[in-house]
Amino acid sequence: MGTIVIAGTAVLVLLGIGNHVWWLAAVAVLFLYLQYGRSGAGGGSASQPPSSGGSSSGSMPTTYKAYRDRRDKQAKWDRRYRRERPLESRRQEREKSN
């Protein structure tokens, strides 16, 4: 991911030779990547826990506590889904077993 961001930033800087708006775009890309894109790779302050968003993007949590938090949150949402949509959850279970 970092390689893509660096390559994109280099392209924006090259485009910025004639138009300074591209320079601002390059700075914005770097800022957003450093602020939000590196949270699991040690970026940010140590007091912030790694983000455990609701998506299953495939990024592994850095600590066992983060893993447990994410697992518990997912289980909570699964229980809520089954409670609020019993017919849909039964249909999904039938499809999964076939």
C-alpha atoms as a PDB file:
ATOM      1  CA  MET A   1       0.000   0.000   0.000  1.00  0.00           C
ATOM      2  CA  GLY A   2       2.797   2.396   0.836  1.00  0.00           C
ATOM      3  CA  THR A   3       4.425   1.834  -2.543  1.00  0.00           C
ATOM      4  CA  ILE A   4       1.215   2.792  -4.326  1.00  0.00           C
ATOM      5  CA  VAL A   5       0.867   5.955  -2.257  1.00  0.00           C
ATOM      6  CA  ILE A   6       4.471   6.967  -2.893  1.00  0.00           C
ATOM      7  CA  ALA A   7       4.139   6.313  -6.627  1.00  0.00           C
ATOM      8  CA  GLY A   8       0.895   8.280  -6.754  1.00  0.00           C
ATOM      9  CA  THR A   9       2.491  11.139  -4.858  1.00  0.00           C
ATOM     10  CA  ALA A  10       5.436  11.178  -7.274  1.00  0.00           C
ATOM     11  CA  VAL A  11       3.029  11.374 -10.218  1.00  0.00           C
ATOM     12  CA  LEU A  12       1.145  14.235  -8.570  1.00  0.00           C
ATOM     13  CA  VAL A  13       4.416  16.080  -7.919  1.00  0.00           C
ATOM     14  CA  LEU A  14       5.438  15.676 -11.567  1.00  0.00           C
ATOM     15  CA  LEU A  15       2.056  16.982 -12.676  1.00  0.00           C
ATOM     16  CA  GLY A  16       2.522  19.824 -10.219  1.00  0.00           C
ATOM     17  CA  ILE A  17       5.385  21.312 -12.203  1.00  0.00           C
ATOM     18  CA  GLY A  18       2.895  23.232 -14.331  1.00  0.00           C
ATOM     19  CA  ASN A  19      -0.013  23.505 -11.904  1.00  0.00           C
ATOM     20  CA  HIS A  20       0.413  23.951  -8.180  1.00  0.00           C
ATOM     21  CA  VAL A  21      -2.980  22.389  -7.403  1.00  0.00           C
ATOM     22  CA  TRP A  22      -1.371  19.006  -8.048  1.00  0.00           C
ATOM     23  CA  TRP A  23       1.211  19.785  -5.342  1.00  0.00           C
ATOM     24  CA  LEU A  24      -1.622  20.354  -2.887  1.00  0.00           C
ATOM     25  CA  ALA A  25      -3.178  17.065  -3.949  1.00  0.00           C
ATOM     26  CA  ALA A  26       0.143  15.281  -3.332  1.00  0.00           C
ATOM     27  CA  VAL A  27       0.422  16.799   0.129  1.00  0.00           C
ATOM     28  CA  ALA A  28      -3.183  15.820   0.886  1.00  0.00           C
ATOM     29  CA  VAL A  29      -2.547  12.218  -0.201  1.00  0.00           C
ATOM     30  CA  LEU A  30       0.532  11.957   2.007  1.00  0.00           C
ATOM     31  CA  PHE A  31      -1.274  13.516   4.961  1.00  0.00           C
ATOM     32  CA  LEU A  32      -4.258  11.172   4.672  1.00  0.00           C
ATOM     33  CA  TYR A  33      -2.007   8.143   4.294  1.00  0.00           C
ATOM     34  CA  LEU A  34       0.087   9.048   7.323  1.00  0.00           C
ATOM     35  CA  GLN A  35      -2.985   9.936   9.379  1.00  0.00           C
ATOM     36  CA  TYR A  36      -5.272   7.000   8.555  1.00  0.00           C
ATOM     37  CA  GLY A  37      -3.474   4.475   6.366  1.00  0.00           C
ATOM     38  CA  ARG A  38      -0.718   3.408   8.761  1.00  0.00           C
ATOM     39  CA  SER A  39      -2.690   2.861  11.992  1.00  0.00           C
ATOM     40  CA  GLY A  40      -2.008  -0.879  12.000  1.00  0.00           C
ATOM     41  CA  ALA A  41       1.658  -0.508  11.020  1.00  0.00           C
ATOM     42  CA  GLY A  42       2.748   1.455  14.049  1.00  0.00           C
ATOM     43  CA  GLY A  43       1.717   4.911  12.872  1.00  0.00           C
ATOM     44  CA  GLY A  44      -0.063   7.314  15.194  1.00  0.00           C
ATOM     45  CA  SER A  45       0.417   7.599  18.916  1.00  0.00           C
ATOM     46  CA  ALA A  46       0.833   4.584  21.164  1.00  0.00           C
ATOM     47  CA  SER A  47      -2.197   5.506  23.277  1.00  0.00           C
ATOM     48  CA  GLN A  48      -4.590   4.990  20.373  1.00  0.00           C
ATOM     49  CA  PRO A  49      -5.819   1.421  19.896  1.00  0.00           C
ATOM     50  CA  PRO A  50      -5.682   0.066  16.356  1.00  0.00           C
ATOM     51  CA  SER A  51      -8.908   0.728  14.497  1.00  0.00           C
ATOM     52  CA  SER A  52     -11.191  -2.279  14.498  1.00  0.00           C
ATOM     53  CA  GLY A  53     -13.712  -1.059  11.937  1.00  0.00           C
ATOM     54  CA  GLY A  54     -16.682  -3.135  10.900  1.00  0.00           C
ATOM     55  CA  SER A  55     -15.206  -4.177   7.588  1.00  0.00           C
ATOM     56  CA  SER A  56     -13.435  -7.438   6.986  1.00  0.00           C
ATOM     57  CA  SER A  57     -10.711  -5.910   4.872  1.00  0.00           C
ATOM     58  CA  GLY A  58      -8.245  -8.613   5.846  1.00  0.00           C
ATOM     59  CA  SER A  59      -5.837  -6.550   7.911  1.00  0.00           C
ATOM     60  CA  MET A  60      -4.783  -8.445  10.992  1.00  0.00           C
ATOM     61  CA  PRO A  61      -4.999  -6.782  14.395  1.00  0.00           C
ATOM     62  CA  THR A  62      -1.657  -6.045  15.978  1.00  0.00           C
ATOM     63  CA  THR A  63      -2.500  -7.321  19.453  1.00  0.00           C
ATOM     64  CA  TYR A  64      -4.586 -10.117  20.885  1.00  0.00           C
ATOM     65  CA  LYS A  65      -6.737  -7.553  22.703  1.00  0.00           C
ATOM     66  CA  ALA A  66      -7.539  -5.835  19.392  1.00  0.00           C
ATOM     67  CA  TYR A  67      -8.403  -9.225  17.920  1.00  0.00           C
ATOM     68  CA  ARG A  68     -10.736 -10.009  20.833  1.00  0.00           C
ATOM     69  CA  ASP A  69     -12.401  -6.611  20.571  1.00  0.00           C
ATOM     70  CA  ARG A  70     -12.988  -7.065  16.856  1.00  0.00           C
ATOM     71  CA  ARG A  71     -14.238 -10.635  17.349  1.00  0.00           C
ATOM     72  CA  ASP A  72     -16.630  -9.597  20.133  1.00  0.00           C
ATOM     73  CA  LYS A  73     -17.941  -6.680  18.106  1.00  0.00           C
ATOM     74  CA  GLN A  74     -18.560  -8.957  15.120  1.00  0.00           C
ATOM     75  CA  ALA A  75     -20.361 -11.502  17.321  1.00  0.00           C
ATOM     76  CA  LYS A  76     -22.532  -8.718  18.732  1.00  0.00           C
ATOM     77  CA  TRP A  77     -23.513  -7.582  15.236  1.00  0.00           C
ATOM     78  CA  ASP A  78     -24.194 -11.175  14.167  1.00  0.00           C
ATOM     79  CA  ARG A  79     -26.512 -11.736  17.146  1.00  0.00           C
ATOM     80  CA  ARG A  80     -28.300  -8.468  16.427  1.00  0.00           C
ATOM     81  CA  TYR A  81     -28.747  -9.398  12.773  1.00  0.00           C
ATOM     82  CA  ARG A  82     -30.183 -12.819  13.666  1.00  0.00           C
ATOM     83  CA  ARG A  83     -32.512 -11.246  16.214  1.00  0.00           C
ATOM     84  CA  GLU A  84     -33.797  -8.520  13.892  1.00  0.00           C
ATOM     85  CA  ARG A  85     -34.001 -10.638  10.706  1.00  0.00           C
ATOM     86  CA  PRO A  86     -34.819 -14.227  11.729  1.00  0.00           C
ATOM     87  CA  LEU A  87     -36.168 -15.335   8.315  1.00  0.00           C
ATOM     88  CA  GLU A  88     -33.174 -13.978   6.430  1.00  0.00           C
ATOM     89  CA  SER A  89     -30.691 -15.521   8.847  1.00  0.00           C
ATOM     90  CA  ARG A  90     -32.418 -18.936   8.572  1.00  0.00           C
ATOM     91  CA  ARG A  91     -32.306 -18.712   4.777  1.00  0.00           C
ATOM     92  CA  GLN A  92     -28.589 -17.893   4.897  1.00  0.00           C
ATOM     93  CA  GLU A  93     -27.948 -20.874   7.201  1.00  0.00           C
ATOM     94  CA  ARG A  94     -29.820 -23.183   4.789  1.00  0.00           C
ATOM     95  CA  GLU A  95     -27.783 -21.891   1.850  1.00  0.00           C
ATOM     96  CA  LYS A  96     -24.541 -22.285   3.779  1.00  0.00           C
ATOM     97  CA  SER A  97     -25.307 -25.917   4.671  1.00  0.00           C
ATOM     98  CA  ASN A  98     -26.063 -26.879   1.034  1.00  0.00           C
END
